[in-house]
PDB file of N, CA and C in Angstrom:
ATOM      1  N   MET A   1      75.822  97.279  61.319  1.00  0.00           N
ATOM      2  CA  MET A   1      75.453  97.616  62.732  1.00  0.00           C
ATOM      3  C   MET A   1      74.433  96.686  63.283  1.00  0.00           C
ATOM      4  N   SER A   2      74.699  96.052  64.527  1.00  0.00           N
ATOM      5  CA  SER A   2      73.777  95.094  64.762  1.00  0.00           C
ATOM      6  C   SER A   2      72.423  95.608  65.287  1.00  0.00           C
ATOM      7  N   LYS A   3      71.406  94.556  65.258  1.00  0.00           N
ATOM      8  CA  LYS A   3      69.975  95.107  65.693  1.00  0.00           C
ATOM      9  C   LYS A   3      70.067  95.776  67.131  1.00  0.00           C
ATOM     10  N   THR A   4      70.928  95.110  68.058  1.00  0.00           N
ATOM     11  CA  THR A   4      70.952  95.749  69.258  1.00  0.00           C
ATOM     12  C   THR A   4      71.276  97.440  69.342  1.00  0.00           C
ATOM     13  N   MET A   5      72.447  97.184  68.499  1.00  0.00           N
ATOM     14  CA  MET A   5      72.887  98.841  68.516  1.00  0.00           C
ATOM     15  C   MET A   5      71.935  99.675  67.548  1.00  0.00           C
ATOM     16  N   LYS A   6      71.428  99.217  66.786  1.00  0.00           N
ATOM     17  CA  LYS A   6      70.146  99.881  65.883  1.00  0.00           C
ATOM     18  C   LYS A   6      69.344 100.423  67.083  1.00  0.00           C
ATOM     19  N   LYS A   7      68.936  99.402  67.833  1.00  0.00           N
ATOM     20  CA  LYS A   7      67.676  99.873  68.774  1.00  0.00           C
ATOM     21  C   LYS A   7      68.087 100.815  69.875  1.00  0.00           C
ATOM     22  N   LYS A   8      69.327 100.570  70.384  1.00  0.00           N
ATOM     23  CA  LYS A   8      69.881 101.544  71.248  1.00  0.00           C
ATOM     24  C   LYS A   8      70.012 102.957  70.642  1.00  0.00           C
ATOM     25  N   LYS A   9      70.304 102.943  69.446  1.00  0.00           N
ATOM     26  CA  LYS A   9      70.479 104.351  68.749  1.00  0.00           C
ATOM     27  C   LYS A   9      69.167 104.906  68.580  1.00  0.00           C
ATOM     28  N   MET A  10      68.164 104.185  68.118  1.00  0.00           N
ATOM     29  CA  MET A  10      66.863 104.561  67.965  1.00  0.00           C
ATOM     30  C   MET A  10      66.331 105.119  69.461  1.00  0.00           C
ATOM     31  N   SER A  11      66.417 104.382  70.318  1.00  0.00           N
ATOM     32  CA  SER A  11      65.914 104.623  71.663  1.00  0.00           C
ATOM     33  C   SER A  11      66.354 105.756  72.181  1.00  0.00           C
ATOM     34  N   PHE A  12      67.687 106.010  71.964  1.00  0.00           N
ATOM     35  CA  PHE A  12      68.232 107.344  72.340  1.00  0.00           C
ATOM     36  C   PHE A  12      67.829 108.379  71.543  1.00  0.00           C
ATOM     37  N   GLN A  13      67.739 108.365  70.394  1.00  0.00           N
ATOM     38  CA  GLN A  13      67.262 109.326  69.592  1.00  0.00           C
ATOM     39  C   GLN A  13      65.798 109.707  69.899  1.00  0.00           C
ATOM     40  N   MET A  14      64.956 108.521  70.149  1.00  0.00           N
ATOM     41  CA  MET A  14      63.410 109.027  70.669  1.00  0.00           C
ATOM     42  C   MET A  14      63.264 109.652  71.970  1.00  0.00           C
ATOM     43  N   ASN A  15      64.367 109.404  72.890  1.00  0.00           N
ATOM     44  CA  ASN A  15      64.282 109.869  74.259  1.00  0.00           C
ATOM     45  C   ASN A  15      64.523 111.313  74.135  1.00  0.00           C
ATOM     46  N   GLY A  16      65.301 111.889  73.408  1.00  0.00           N
ATOM     47  CA  GLY A  16      65.678 113.347  73.249  1.00  0.00           C
ATOM     48  C   GLY A  16      67.006 113.472  73.544  1.00  0.00           C
ATOM     49  N   LYS A  17      67.410 114.630  74.039  1.00  0.00           N
ATOM     50  CA  LYS A  17      68.661 115.199  74.444  1.00  0.00           C
ATOM     51  C   LYS A  17      69.219 114.349  75.526  1.00  0.00           C
ATOM     52  N   PRO A  18      70.675 114.042  75.749  1.00  0.00           N
ATOM     53  CA  PRO A  18      70.967 113.466  76.828  1.00  0.00           C
ATOM     54  C   PRO A  18      70.936 114.420  77.764  1.00  0.00           C
ATOM     55  N   SER A  19      71.039 114.024  79.058  1.00  0.00           N
ATOM     56  CA  SER A  19      70.952 114.737  80.465  1.00  0.00           C
ATOM     57  C   SER A  19      72.522 115.366  80.561  1.00  0.00           C
ATOM     58  N   VAL A  20      72.387 116.453  81.557  1.00  0.00           N
ATOM     59  CA  VAL A  20      74.010 117.078  81.626  1.00  0.00           C
ATOM     60  C   VAL A  20      74.632 116.042  82.591  1.00  0.00           C
ATOM     61  N   LYS A  21      73.919 114.918  83.311  1.00  0.00           N
ATOM     62  CA  LYS A  21      74.764 113.930  83.825  1.00  0.00           C
ATOM     63  C   LYS A  21      75.383 112.994  83.118  1.00  0.00           C
ATOM     64  N   GLN A  22      74.571 112.625  81.940  1.00  0.00           N
ATOM     65  CA  GLN A  22      75.116 111.835  80.850  1.00  0.00           C
ATOM     66  C   GLN A  22      76.331 112.177  80.129  1.00  0.00           C
ATOM     67  N   LEU A  23      76.309 113.568  79.880  1.00  0.00           N
ATOM     68  CA  LEU A  23      77.094 114.253  79.129  1.00  0.00           C
ATOM     69  C   LEU A  23      78.501 114.330  79.980  1.00  0.00           C
ATOM     70  N   GLU A  24      78.286 114.652  81.359  1.00  0.00           N
ATOM     71  CA  GLU A  24      79.602 114.673  82.166  1.00  0.00           C
ATOM     72  C   GLU A  24      80.147 113.554  82.301  1.00  0.00           C
ATOM     73  N   ALA A  25      79.226 112.383  82.221  1.00  0.00           N
ATOM     74  CA  ALA A  25      79.845 111.128  82.674  1.00  0.00           C
ATOM     75  C   ALA A  25      80.694 110.469  81.289  1.00  0.00           C
ATOM     76  N   ALA A  26      80.234 110.775  79.996  1.00  0.00           N
ATOM     77  CA  ALA A  26      80.871 110.518  78.819  1.00  0.00           C
ATOM     78  C   ALA A  26      82.104 111.436  78.765  1.00  0.00           C
ATOM     79  N   TYR A  27      81.890 112.664  79.200  1.00  0.00           N
ATOM     80  CA  TYR A  27      83.117 113.516  79.142  1.00  0.00           C
ATOM     81  C   TYR A  27      84.248 112.878  79.938  1.00  0.00           C
ATOM     82  N   GLN A  28      84.020 112.596  81.171  1.00  0.00           N
ATOM     83  CA  GLN A  28      85.007 111.830  82.205  1.00  0.00           C
ATOM     84  C   GLN A  28      85.526 110.705  81.575  1.00  0.00           C
ATOM     85  N   LEU A  29      84.716 109.765  80.970  1.00  0.00           N
ATOM     86  CA  LEU A  29      85.173 108.581  80.407  1.00  0.00           C
ATOM     87  C   LEU A  29      86.106 108.666  79.256  1.00  0.00           C
ATOM     88  N   GLY A  30      85.760 109.775  78.527  1.00  0.00           N
ATOM     89  CA  GLY A  30      86.812 110.079  77.263  1.00  0.00           C
ATOM     90  C   GLY A  30      88.102 110.605  78.035  1.00  0.00           C
ATOM     91  N   LEU A  31      87.989 111.497  78.930  1.00  0.00           N
ATOM     92  CA  LEU A  31      89.043 112.068  79.307  1.00  0.00           C
ATOM     93  C   LEU A  31      89.873 111.116  80.001  1.00  0.00           C
ATOM     94  N   ALA A  32      89.562 110.132  80.615  1.00  0.00           N
ATOM     95  CA  ALA A  32      90.163 109.081  81.554  1.00  0.00           C
ATOM     96  C   ALA A  32      91.085 107.960  80.356  1.00  0.00           C
ATOM     97  N   LYS A  33      89.941 107.810  79.364  1.00  0.00           N
ATOM     98  CA  LYS A  33      90.696 106.954  78.141  1.00  0.00           C
ATOM     99  C   LYS A  33      91.764 107.607  77.585  1.00  0.00           C
ATOM    100  N   GLY A  34      91.702 108.817  77.448  1.00  0.00           N
ATOM    101  CA  GLY A  34      92.669 109.610  76.734  1.00  0.00           C
ATOM    102  C   GLY A  34      94.039 110.120  77.477  1.00  0.00           C
ATOM    103  N   GLU A  35      94.059 110.066  78.823  1.00  0.00           N
ATOM    104  CA  GLU A  35      94.914 109.900  79.548  1.00  0.00           C
ATOM    105  C   GLU A  35      95.501 108.539  79.700  1.00  0.00           C
ATOM    106  N   GLU A  36      94.773 107.497  79.683  1.00  0.00           N
ATOM    107  CA  GLU A  36      95.403 106.009  79.476  1.00  0.00           C
ATOM    108  C   GLU A  36      96.307 105.935  78.171  1.00  0.00           C
ATOM    109  N   ILE A  37      95.763 106.305  77.183  1.00  0.00           N
ATOM    110  CA  ILE A  37      96.430 106.212  75.824  1.00  0.00           C
ATOM    111  C   ILE A  37      97.670 107.147  75.905  1.00  0.00           C
ATOM    112  N   GLY A  38      97.478 108.057  76.466  1.00  0.00           N
ATOM    113  CA  GLY A  38      98.738 109.105  76.471  1.00  0.00           C
ATOM    114  C   GLY A  38     100.035 108.468  77.328  1.00  0.00           C
ATOM    115  N   ILE A  39      99.573 108.059  78.423  1.00  0.00           N
ATOM    116  CA  ILE A  39     100.476 107.281  79.332  1.00  0.00           C
ATOM    117  C   ILE A  39     101.389 106.022  78.619  1.00  0.00           C
ATOM    118  N   ASN A  40     100.360 105.431  77.860  1.00  0.00           N
ATOM    119  CA  ASN A  40     100.729 104.214  77.297  1.00  0.00           C
ATOM    120  C   ASN A  40     101.776 104.578  76.280  1.00  0.00           C
ATOM    121  N   LYS A  41     101.417 105.658  75.571  1.00  0.00           N
ATOM    122  CA  LYS A  41     102.291 105.787  74.171  1.00  0.00           C
ATOM    123  C   LYS A  41     103.548 106.503  74.735  1.00  0.00           C
ATOM    124  N   ALA A  42     103.283 107.372  75.600  1.00  0.00           N
ATOM    125  CA  ALA A  42     104.848 107.762  76.397  1.00  0.00           C
ATOM    126  C   ALA A  42     105.719 106.695  76.908  1.00  0.00           C
ATOM    127  N   THR A  43     105.090 105.756  77.478  1.00  0.00           N
ATOM    128  CA  THR A  43     105.842 104.546  78.212  1.00  0.00           C
ATOM    129  C   THR A  43     106.428 103.865  76.874  1.00  0.00           C
ATOM    130  N   ASN A  44     105.716 103.563  75.859  1.00  0.00           N
ATOM    131  CA  ASN A  44     106.159 102.819  74.852  1.00  0.00           C
ATOM    132  C   ASN A  44     107.244 103.540  74.226  1.00  0.00           C
ATOM    133  N   PHE A  45     107.242 104.905  74.051  1.00  0.00           N
ATOM    134  CA  PHE A  45     108.323 105.685  73.460  1.00  0.00           C
ATOM    135  C   PHE A  45     109.662 105.595  74.160  1.00  0.00           C
ATOM    136  N   PHE A  46     109.467 105.618  75.480  1.00  0.00           N
ATOM    137  CA  PHE A  46     110.888 105.464  76.342  1.00  0.00           C
ATOM    138  C   PHE A  46     111.379 104.001  76.323  1.00  0.00           C
ATOM    139  N   LYS A  47     110.470 103.173  76.255  1.00  0.00           N
ATOM    140  CA  LYS A  47     110.906 101.668  76.413  1.00  0.00           C
ATOM    141  C   LYS A  47     111.525 101.318  75.041  1.00  0.00           C
ATOM    142  N   LYS A  48     111.028 101.882  74.079  1.00  0.00           N
ATOM    143  CA  LYS A  48     111.917 101.637  72.545  1.00  0.00           C
ATOM    144  C   LYS A  48     113.066 102.249  72.595  1.00  0.00           C
ATOM    145  N   ARG A  49     113.283 103.647  73.151  1.00  0.00           N
ATOM    146  CA  ARG A  49     114.649 104.327  73.248  1.00  0.00           C
ATOM    147  C   ARG A  49     115.479 103.545  74.324  1.00  0.00           C
ATOM    148  N   PHE A  50     115.286 103.092  75.184  1.00  0.00           N
ATOM    149  CA  PHE A  50     116.013 102.409  76.314  1.00  0.00           C
ATOM    150  C   PHE A  50     116.328 101.002  75.872  1.00  0.00           C
ATOM    151  N   ASP A  51     115.736 100.244  74.849  1.00  0.00           N
ATOM    152  CA  ASP A  51     115.903  99.012  74.349  1.00  0.00           C
ATOM    153  C   ASP A  51     117.241  98.579  73.796  1.00  0.00           C
ATOM    154  N   GLY A  52     117.906  99.681  73.187  1.00  0.00           N
ATOM    155  CA  GLY A  52     118.911  99.783  72.631  1.00  0.00           C
ATOM    156  C   GLY A  52     120.158 100.504  73.279  1.00  0.00           C
ATOM    157  N   ILE A  53     119.933 100.812  74.468  1.00  0.00           N
ATOM    158  CA  ILE A  53     121.069 101.547  75.137  1.00  0.00           C
ATOM    159  C   ILE A  53     122.392 101.144  75.352  1.00  0.00           C
ATOM    160  N   TYR A  54     122.425  99.750  75.138  1.00  0.00           N
ATOM    161  CA  TYR A  54     123.829  99.024  75.463  1.00  0.00           C
ATOM    162  C   TYR A  54     124.720  99.320  73.993  1.00  0.00           C
ATOM    163  N   ASP A  55     123.754  99.425  73.043  1.00  0.00           N
ATOM    164  CA  ASP A  55     124.393  99.636  71.632  1.00  0.00           C
ATOM    165  C   ASP A  55     124.983 100.893  71.372  1.00  0.00           C
ATOM    166  N   VAL A  56     124.440 101.846  72.044  1.00  0.00           N
ATOM    167  CA  VAL A  56     125.071 103.264  71.783  1.00  0.00           C
ATOM    168  C   VAL A  56     126.867 103.592  72.354  1.00  0.00           C
ATOM    169  N   PRO A  57     127.281 103.829  71.648  1.00  0.00           N
ATOM    170  CA  PRO A  57     128.735 104.121  71.839  1.00  0.00           C
ATOM    171  C   PRO A  57     129.080 105.104  72.877  1.00  0.00           C
ATOM    172  N   GLY A  58     129.706 104.934  73.905  1.00  0.00           N
ATOM    173  CA  GLY A  58     130.079 105.657  74.962  1.00  0.00           C
ATOM    174  C   GLY A  58     129.075 105.509  76.034  1.00  0.00           C
ATOM    175  N   ILE A  59     128.048 104.530  75.897  1.00  0.00           N
ATOM    176  CA  ILE A  59     127.265 104.226  77.203  1.00  0.00           C
ATOM    177  C   ILE A  59     127.448 102.972  77.476  1.00  0.00           C
ATOM    178  N   GLY A  60     128.283 102.980  78.932  1.00  0.00           N
ATOM    179  CA  GLY A  60     128.575 101.524  79.238  1.00  0.00           C
ATOM    180  C   GLY A  60     127.841 101.132  80.750  1.00  0.00           C
ATOM    181  N   GLU A  61     128.476 100.210  81.044  1.00  0.00           N
ATOM    182  CA  GLU A  61     127.657  99.489  82.509  1.00  0.00           C
ATOM    183  C   GLU A  61     127.305 100.860  83.420  1.00  0.00           C
ATOM    184  N   LYS A  62     128.526 101.435  83.898  1.00  0.00           N
ATOM    185  CA  LYS A  62     128.471 102.698  84.838  1.00  0.00           C
ATOM    186  C   LYS A  62     127.174 103.597  84.208  1.00  0.00           C
ATOM    187  N   THR A  63     126.868 103.896  83.195  1.00  0.00           N
ATOM    188  CA  THR A  63     125.926 104.931  82.682  1.00  0.00           C
ATOM    189  C   THR A  63     124.745 104.244  82.956  1.00  0.00           C
ATOM    190  N   VAL A  64     124.537 102.979  82.565  1.00  0.00           N
ATOM    191  CA  VAL A  64     123.343 102.108  82.670  1.00  0.00           C
ATOM    192  C   VAL A  64     122.751 102.178  83.994  1.00  0.00           C
ATOM    193  N   GLU A  65     123.953 101.954  85.032  1.00  0.00           N
ATOM    194  CA  GLU A  65     123.554 101.850  86.305  1.00  0.00           C
ATOM    195  C   GLU A  65     123.168 103.261  86.869  1.00  0.00           C
ATOM    196  N   LYS A  66     123.733 104.188  86.712  1.00  0.00           N
ATOM    197  CA  LYS A  66     123.283 105.393  86.971  1.00  0.00           C
ATOM    198  C   LYS A  66     122.020 105.906  86.459  1.00  0.00           C
ATOM    199  N   LEU A  67     121.344 105.354  85.322  1.00  0.00           N
ATOM    200  CA  LEU A  67     120.173 105.650  84.642  1.00  0.00           C
ATOM    201  C   LEU A  67     119.128 104.778  85.350  1.00  0.00           C
ATOM    202  N   VAL A  68     119.221 103.657  85.769  1.00  0.00           N
ATOM    203  CA  VAL A  68     118.654 102.653  86.600  1.00  0.00           C
ATOM    204  C   VAL A  68     118.453 103.297  87.890  1.00  0.00           C
ATOM    205  N   LYS A  69     119.391 103.950  88.720  1.00  0.00           N
ATOM    206  CA  LYS A  69     119.321 104.499  89.949  1.00  0.00           C
ATOM    207  C   LYS A  69     118.463 105.624  89.772  1.00  0.00           C
ATOM    208  N   HIS A  70     118.536 106.422  88.840  1.00  0.00           N
ATOM    209  CA  HIS A  70     117.819 107.749  88.622  1.00  0.00           C
ATOM    210  C   HIS A  70     116.373 107.383  88.420  1.00  0.00           C
ATOM    211  N   PHE A  71     115.935 106.657  87.387  1.00  0.00           N
ATOM    212  CA  PHE A  71     114.398 106.428  87.094  1.00  0.00           C
ATOM    213  C   PHE A  71     113.780 105.144  88.030  1.00  0.00           C
ATOM    214  N   GLY A  72     114.630 104.367  88.502  1.00  0.00           N
ATOM    215  CA  GLY A  72     114.046 103.309  89.556  1.00  0.00           C
ATOM    216  C   GLY A  72     114.202 102.062  88.898  1.00  0.00           C
ATOM    217  N   LYS A  73     114.328 100.968  89.532  1.00  0.00           N
ATOM    218  CA  LYS A  73     114.595  99.648  89.078  1.00  0.00           C
ATOM    219  C   LYS A  73     113.322  99.005  88.598  1.00  0.00           C
ATOM    220  N   GLU A  74     112.213  99.485  88.702  1.00  0.00           N
ATOM    221  CA  GLU A  74     110.882  98.933  88.284  1.00  0.00           C
ATOM    222  C   GLU A  74     110.628  99.201  86.936  1.00  0.00           C
ATOM    223  N   TYR A  75     111.451 100.164  86.332  1.00  0.00           N
ATOM    224  CA  TYR A  75     111.387 100.419  84.922  1.00  0.00           C
ATOM    225  C   TYR A  75     112.222  99.790  84.043  1.00  0.00           C
ATOM    226  N   PHE A  76     113.023  99.090  84.509  1.00  0.00           N
ATOM    227  CA  PHE A  76     114.179  98.081  83.925  1.00  0.00           C
ATOM    228  C   PHE A  76     114.180  96.671  84.121  1.00  0.00           C
ATOM    229  N   GLU A  77     114.512  96.006  83.005  1.00  0.00           N
ATOM    230  CA  GLU A  77     114.555  94.424  83.232  1.00  0.00           C
ATOM    231  C   GLU A  77     115.949  94.180  83.060  1.00  0.00           C
ATOM    232  N   LYS A  78     116.363  93.372  83.833  1.00  0.00           N
ATOM    233  CA  LYS A  78     117.768  92.954  83.858  1.00  0.00           C
ATOM    234  C   LYS A  78     117.991  91.917  82.625  1.00  0.00           C
ATOM    235  N   VAL A  79     118.925  92.548  81.601  1.00  0.00           N
ATOM    236  CA  VAL A  79     119.316  91.394  80.739  1.00  0.00           C
ATOM    237  C   VAL A  79     120.612  91.066  80.618  1.00  0.00           C
ATOM    238  N   GLU A  80     121.207  89.819  80.345  1.00  0.00           N
ATOM    239  CA  GLU A  80     122.422  89.420  80.471  1.00  0.00           C
ATOM    240  C   GLU A  80     122.828  89.449  78.874  1.00  0.00           C
ATOM    241  N   LYS A  81     124.036  89.957  78.902  1.00  0.00           N
ATOM    242  CA  LYS A  81     124.710  90.178  77.525  1.00  0.00           C
ATOM    243  C   LYS A  81     125.270  88.988  76.930  1.00  0.00           C
TER     244      LYS A  81
END
């Protein structure tokens, strides 16, 4: 732990309990960060699943076109075979 962190920790302890505003701000920050992590995790899950879509038997060009149309072009990259 750096000296700066030790000083901050000590000064925080010396000031007593955090205010309600500080607790609310920390809660909102954690909530936003958790939401960001969840979105990234879900996006990566689907990206991994769609990466090999052409290798799945029975899924051809027409099916992929339907998926792109349904989900939106912004979620797909054009890849030449």
